[in-house]
Amino acid sequence: MFSFTEKIIIRGGGDLATGVAQKFFRAGFPVAILETHTPTAIRRSVSLCEAAYDGFACVDDLKCRKVADTDKMESCWQDGIIPLLVDPTGESIRTIRPAAVIDAIIAKRCLGTNRAMADITIALGPGFRAGEDVDIVIETMRGHDLGRLIFSGSAMPNTGIPGEVGGQSARRVLHAPVSGIVVHKRHIGDVVGSGDVLLTIGGMAVNAPFGGLLRGLIREGIEVPQGMKVADVDPRTDVNWRAISDKARCLGGAALEAYFFLKQNGENR
């Protein structure tokens, strides 16, 4: 099934991490995802982390199965399936002994990923220092440098403002106005109008800021804190919300490039 025997561990299973998983999987690597008990991805239709809730997830040509422990990973790889293990701290990495650990949590800070975890360590976005925390950092900010490999220093600081898409930036991402339980009023993939109620949190409505496609919606039934990202409206109504995004594919390709660069040139630690 696989061209390579080197195992690749990806910390995080959101939409960008899923783009990384696809590139390595298609290249012939056995890939495994480590996630939290309750992932909070909003672009759930393109996030393999949904397997943490449902036991199984499919995105594009990828299939992902939740496993109880590392012993079950081998059978997944034999079936051409990506295993997902709930392991927020990465304790299983010592048992798996992967060739590379890729931090794609996109937490904007380091949640424990370090160079002792594997011969090759790669991280996406701000919060990491290349050459210190990990071997290579990948720029995640939209623009000319998106996907650039950083060999020394850090990615651009988190501005808190999403990149512009279809003429919209900060307004397209919605945050919880209060803490509370999420109740859906619309579904991912719906075309919505300005002011439409998309979901409620603790009984308080969250409305669409403009007309467009509801591309992201946090999972129903979970409790979220005030200020958490809960929805994403894309002004482009013709975007394929079922497919891995251009940004995720770019970052996935950059991570694959980083891996082969380090393999070819040595870790240079």
Protein backbone atom coordinates (compact mmCIF):
# COMPACT_ATOMS: atom_id res chain seq x y z
CA MET A 1 0.00 0.00 0.00
CA PHE A 2 2.67 2.52 1.01
CA SER A 3 5.86 3.47 -0.80
CA PHE A 4 7.63 4.34 2.44
CA THR A 5 7.89 2.75 5.87
CA GLU A 6 8.56 6.00 7.73
CA LYS A 7 5.56 6.88 9.89
CA ILE A 8 4.34 10.47 9.92
CA ILE A 9 2.53 11.84 12.96
CA ILE A 10 0.35 14.92 12.51
CA ARG A 11 -0.74 16.71 15.66
CA GLY A 12 -4.18 18.12 14.92
CA GLY A 13 -6.86 17.07 12.48
CA GLY A 14 -8.55 20.32 11.42
CA ASP A 15 -8.93 21.53 7.85
CA LEU A 16 -5.30 22.63 7.41
CA ALA A 17 -3.94 19.50 9.09
CA THR A 18 -6.13 17.43 6.75
CA GLY A 19 -4.42 19.10 3.78
CA VAL A 20 -1.07 18.03 5.24
CA ALA A 21 -2.35 14.48 5.77
CA GLN A 22 -3.49 14.24 2.16
CA LYS A 23 -0.11 15.22 0.72
CA PHE A 24 1.81 12.68 2.81
CA PHE A 25 -0.79 9.95 2.32
CA ARG A 26 -0.76 10.41 -1.47
CA ALA A 27 3.04 10.41 -1.43
CA GLY A 28 2.96 6.94 0.10
CA PHE A 29 3.55 7.51 3.82
CA PRO A 30 1.65 5.83 6.67
CA VAL A 31 0.07 8.83 8.40
CA ALA A 32 -1.52 9.02 11.85
CA ILE A 33 -3.36 11.93 13.48
CA LEU A 34 -3.25 12.80 17.18
CA GLU A 35 -6.20 14.84 18.44
CA THR A 36 -7.95 16.11 21.55
CA HIS A 37 -11.08 14.55 23.04
CA THR A 38 -13.25 17.38 21.72
CA PRO A 39 -11.84 18.99 18.55
CA THR A 40 -13.24 22.43 17.75
CA ALA A 41 -12.72 22.68 13.99
CA ILE A 42 -15.36 24.78 12.23
CA ARG A 43 -14.72 23.61 8.64
CA ARG A 44 -15.86 20.17 9.72
CA SER A 45 -16.75 18.92 6.23
CA VAL A 46 -13.02 18.94 5.36
CA SER A 47 -11.56 17.99 8.75
CA LEU A 48 -10.56 14.44 9.60
CA CYS A 49 -10.79 15.30 13.30
CA GLU A 50 -14.53 14.59 13.04
CA ALA A 51 -13.55 10.94 13.50
CA ALA A 52 -12.87 11.78 17.15
CA TYR A 53 -16.65 12.15 17.56
CA ASP A 54 -18.11 9.82 14.93
CA GLY A 55 -15.47 7.08 14.84
CA PHE A 56 -14.92 7.54 11.11
CA ALA A 57 -14.49 10.44 8.67
CA CYS A 58 -13.99 10.87 4.92
CA VAL A 59 -12.52 13.92 3.20
CA ASP A 60 -11.76 13.84 -0.53
CA ASP A 61 -9.97 10.51 -1.07
CA LEU A 62 -8.99 10.15 2.60
CA LYS A 63 -10.58 7.80 5.10
CA CYS A 64 -9.88 8.18 8.80
CA ARG A 65 -10.74 5.83 11.65
CA LYS A 66 -10.58 6.49 15.39
CA VAL A 67 -8.46 3.92 17.20
CA ALA A 68 -8.26 3.10 20.89
CA ASP A 69 -4.47 2.69 21.03
CA THR A 70 -1.34 2.52 18.93
CA ASP A 71 -1.69 -1.25 18.41
CA LYS A 72 -4.68 -0.63 16.14
CA MET A 73 -2.81 1.71 13.79
CA GLU A 74 -1.14 -1.00 11.73
CA SER A 75 -4.44 -2.53 10.63
CA CYS A 76 -5.64 0.90 9.50
CA TRP A 77 -2.53 1.41 7.40
CA GLN A 78 -2.98 -2.03 5.84
CA ASP A 79 -6.50 -0.99 4.83
CA GLY A 80 -5.35 2.35 3.43
CA ILE A 81 -6.98 4.27 6.29
CA ILE A 82 -5.51 7.06 8.42
CA PRO A 83 -5.79 6.25 12.14
CA LEU A 84 -6.79 8.97 14.60
CA LEU A 85 -5.82 8.58 18.23
CA VAL A 86 -7.06 10.84 21.02
CA ASP A 87 -3.75 11.93 22.51
CA PRO A 88 -3.62 15.68 23.14
CA THR A 89 -0.21 15.60 24.82
CA GLY A 90 1.53 13.34 22.28
CA GLU A 91 2.47 10.65 24.79
CA SER A 92 2.04 7.93 22.15
CA ILE A 93 4.81 9.38 19.99
CA ARG A 94 7.46 7.55 22.01
CA THR A 95 5.73 4.25 21.25
CA ILE A 96 5.10 4.96 17.56
CA ARG A 97 8.64 6.24 16.92
CA PRO A 98 7.73 8.24 13.80
CA ALA A 99 10.15 9.60 11.23
CA ALA A 100 8.52 13.00 11.56
CA VAL A 101 6.13 14.92 13.79
CA ILE A 102 4.20 17.75 12.19
CA ASP A 103 2.38 20.22 14.43
CA ALA A 104 -0.70 21.37 12.50
CA ILE A 105 -2.82 22.28 15.52
CA ILE A 106 -2.74 25.96 14.48
CA ALA A 107 -3.02 27.04 18.12
CA LYS A 108 -0.79 30.07 17.48
CA ARG A 109 1.43 28.78 20.29
CA CYS A 110 3.46 25.70 21.01
CA LEU A 111 1.53 22.97 22.83
CA GLY A 112 4.50 20.77 23.60
CA THR A 113 5.85 19.83 20.18
CA ASN A 114 9.65 19.70 20.35
CA ARG A 115 12.66 18.40 18.47
CA ALA A 116 13.11 15.43 20.78
CA MET A 117 9.90 13.87 19.46
CA ALA A 118 11.35 12.72 16.12
CA ASP A 119 14.33 13.07 13.80
CA ILE A 120 12.29 15.59 11.80
CA THR A 121 9.92 18.13 13.34
CA ILE A 122 7.83 20.65 11.41
CA ALA A 123 5.28 23.19 12.64
CA LEU A 124 2.67 25.30 10.89
CA GLY A 125 2.24 28.94 11.81
CA PRO A 126 3.29 31.26 14.65
CA GLY A 127 4.29 30.16 18.12
CA PHE A 128 7.36 28.14 17.10
CA ARG A 129 11.02 29.01 16.48
CA ALA A 130 12.69 27.15 13.66
CA GLY A 131 15.98 25.63 14.73
CA GLU A 132 14.95 25.73 18.38
CA ASP A 133 11.43 24.34 18.97
CA VAL A 134 11.25 22.49 15.64
CA ASP A 135 13.45 22.04 12.58
CA ILE A 136 11.30 24.00 10.12
CA VAL A 137 8.35 26.37 10.54
CA ILE A 138 5.89 26.94 7.69
CA GLU A 139 4.32 30.34 7.07
CA THR A 140 0.50 30.20 7.27
CA MET A 141 -0.34 33.86 6.64
CA ARG A 142 -2.16 34.35 3.32
CA GLY A 143 -0.17 36.32 0.78
CA HIS A 144 3.11 36.03 -1.05
CA ASP A 145 4.85 34.05 1.72
CA LEU A 146 2.10 31.47 2.29
CA GLY A 147 3.77 28.06 2.50
CA ARG A 148 7.32 29.46 2.77
CA LEU A 149 9.77 27.28 4.68
CA ILE A 150 11.39 29.09 7.61
CA PHE A 151 14.75 27.67 8.71
CA SER A 152 15.51 30.23 11.42
CA GLY A 153 13.08 32.32 13.41
CA SER A 154 9.30 32.34 13.46
CA ALA A 155 6.29 32.74 11.21
CA MET A 156 4.50 36.08 11.06
CA PRO A 157 2.76 36.93 14.36
CA ASN A 158 -0.92 36.15 14.66
CA THR A 159 -2.88 39.33 13.89
CA GLY A 160 -6.26 37.90 14.87
CA ILE A 161 -7.58 39.07 11.49
CA PRO A 162 -8.37 36.36 8.91
CA GLY A 163 -6.94 36.67 5.42
CA GLU A 164 -9.15 38.36 2.84
CA VAL A 165 -11.43 36.04 0.86
CA GLY A 166 -13.87 37.38 -1.71
CA GLY A 167 -13.37 40.91 -0.43
CA GLN A 168 -14.12 40.00 3.20
CA SER A 169 -11.66 39.53 6.05
CA ALA A 170 -12.48 39.95 9.75
CA ARG A 171 -16.25 39.92 9.20
CA ARG A 172 -16.30 36.44 7.65
CA VAL A 173 -15.25 34.64 10.85
CA LEU A 174 -17.76 34.69 13.71
CA HIS A 175 -16.99 34.27 17.40
CA ALA A 176 -19.09 33.22 20.35
CA PRO A 177 -20.74 36.29 21.93
CA VAL A 178 -21.18 34.42 25.23
CA SER A 179 -20.23 31.09 26.74
CA GLY A 180 -22.73 28.27 26.27
CA ILE A 181 -23.99 25.26 24.37
CA VAL A 182 -24.04 25.37 20.56
CA VAL A 183 -27.36 24.82 18.75
CA HIS A 184 -27.41 24.86 14.96
CA LYS A 185 -29.98 26.79 12.96
CA ARG A 186 -28.34 26.28 9.57
CA HIS A 187 -25.98 23.69 8.05
CA ILE A 188 -22.54 23.82 6.46
CA GLY A 189 -23.06 24.33 2.73
CA ASP A 190 -26.17 26.50 3.13
CA VAL A 191 -26.37 29.75 1.19
CA VAL A 192 -27.38 32.35 3.77
CA GLY A 193 -28.49 35.95 3.71
CA SER A 194 -27.27 38.88 5.73
CA GLY A 195 -28.72 38.69 9.23
CA ASP A 196 -29.77 35.04 9.04
CA VAL A 197 -29.42 33.18 12.34
CA LEU A 198 -26.71 30.56 11.87
CA LEU A 199 -26.58 29.13 15.39
CA THR A 200 -27.31 30.02 18.98
CA ILE A 201 -24.92 29.87 21.92
CA GLY A 202 -26.46 29.82 25.36
CA GLY A 203 -29.67 30.91 23.65
CA MET A 204 -28.07 33.97 22.01
CA ALA A 205 -28.29 34.17 18.23
CA VAL A 206 -25.23 34.41 16.00
CA ASN A 207 -26.15 36.08 12.72
CA ALA A 208 -24.59 36.07 9.27
CA PRO A 209 -22.70 39.36 8.75
CA PHE A 210 -23.39 39.28 5.00
CA GLY A 211 -24.79 36.96 2.37
CA GLY A 212 -22.71 34.01 1.29
CA LEU A 213 -21.95 30.33 1.82
CA LEU A 214 -21.84 28.92 5.34
CA ARG A 215 -18.48 27.17 5.03
CA GLY A 216 -17.72 26.52 8.68
CA LEU A 217 -19.86 25.75 11.72
CA ILE A 218 -18.62 24.41 15.03
CA ARG A 219 -20.06 21.09 16.15
CA GLU A 220 -23.50 21.18 17.72
CA GLY A 221 -23.93 20.28 21.37
CA ILE A 222 -20.50 21.28 22.60
CA GLU A 223 -19.94 24.02 25.14
CA VAL A 224 -17.78 26.90 23.96
CA PRO A 225 -16.23 29.84 25.81
CA GLN A 226 -16.94 33.43 24.90
CA GLY A 227 -14.78 34.59 22.02
CA MET A 228 -14.18 31.16 20.44
CA LYS A 229 -14.37 30.93 16.66
CA VAL A 230 -17.71 29.26 15.84
CA ALA A 231 -18.59 29.91 12.18
CA ASP A 232 -17.19 31.02 8.84
CA VAL A 233 -19.19 32.66 6.04
CA ASP A 234 -17.62 32.80 2.58
CA PRO A 235 -18.94 35.58 0.30
CA ARG A 236 -18.27 33.30 -2.69
CA THR A 237 -21.34 31.09 -2.98
CA ASP A 238 -19.79 28.82 -5.62
CA VAL A 239 -16.85 27.59 -3.50
CA ASN A 240 -16.55 23.81 -3.09
CA TRP A 241 -17.02 23.44 0.67
CA ARG A 242 -16.70 19.65 0.47
CA ALA A 243 -13.11 19.72 -0.85
CA ILE A 244 -9.78 20.50 0.83
CA SER A 245 -9.05 24.20 0.37
CA ASP A 246 -6.34 25.89 -1.68
CA LYS A 247 -4.63 27.07 1.52
CA ALA A 248 -4.66 23.59 3.07
CA ARG A 249 -3.22 22.05 -0.10
CA CYS A 250 -0.50 24.72 -0.23
CA LEU A 251 0.52 24.09 3.37
CA GLY A 252 0.40 20.33 2.86
CA GLY A 253 2.75 20.62 -0.09
CA ALA A 254 5.07 22.84 1.94
CA ALA A 255 5.18 20.30 4.77
CA LEU A 256 6.01 17.51 2.31
CA GLU A 257 8.75 19.70 0.79
CA ALA A 258 10.13 20.40 4.26
CA TYR A 259 10.26 16.69 5.08
CA PHE A 260 12.15 15.73 1.93
CA PHE A 261 14.49 18.71 2.28
CA LEU A 262 15.47 17.60 5.77
CA LYS A 263 15.83 13.98 4.68
CA GLN A 264 18.07 15.00 1.78
CA ASN A 265 20.19 17.52 3.66
CA GLY A 266 20.22 16.02 7.13
CA GLU A 267 18.56 17.46 10.19
CA ASN A 268 21.48 19.89 10.72
CA ARG A 269 20.88 20.07 14.45
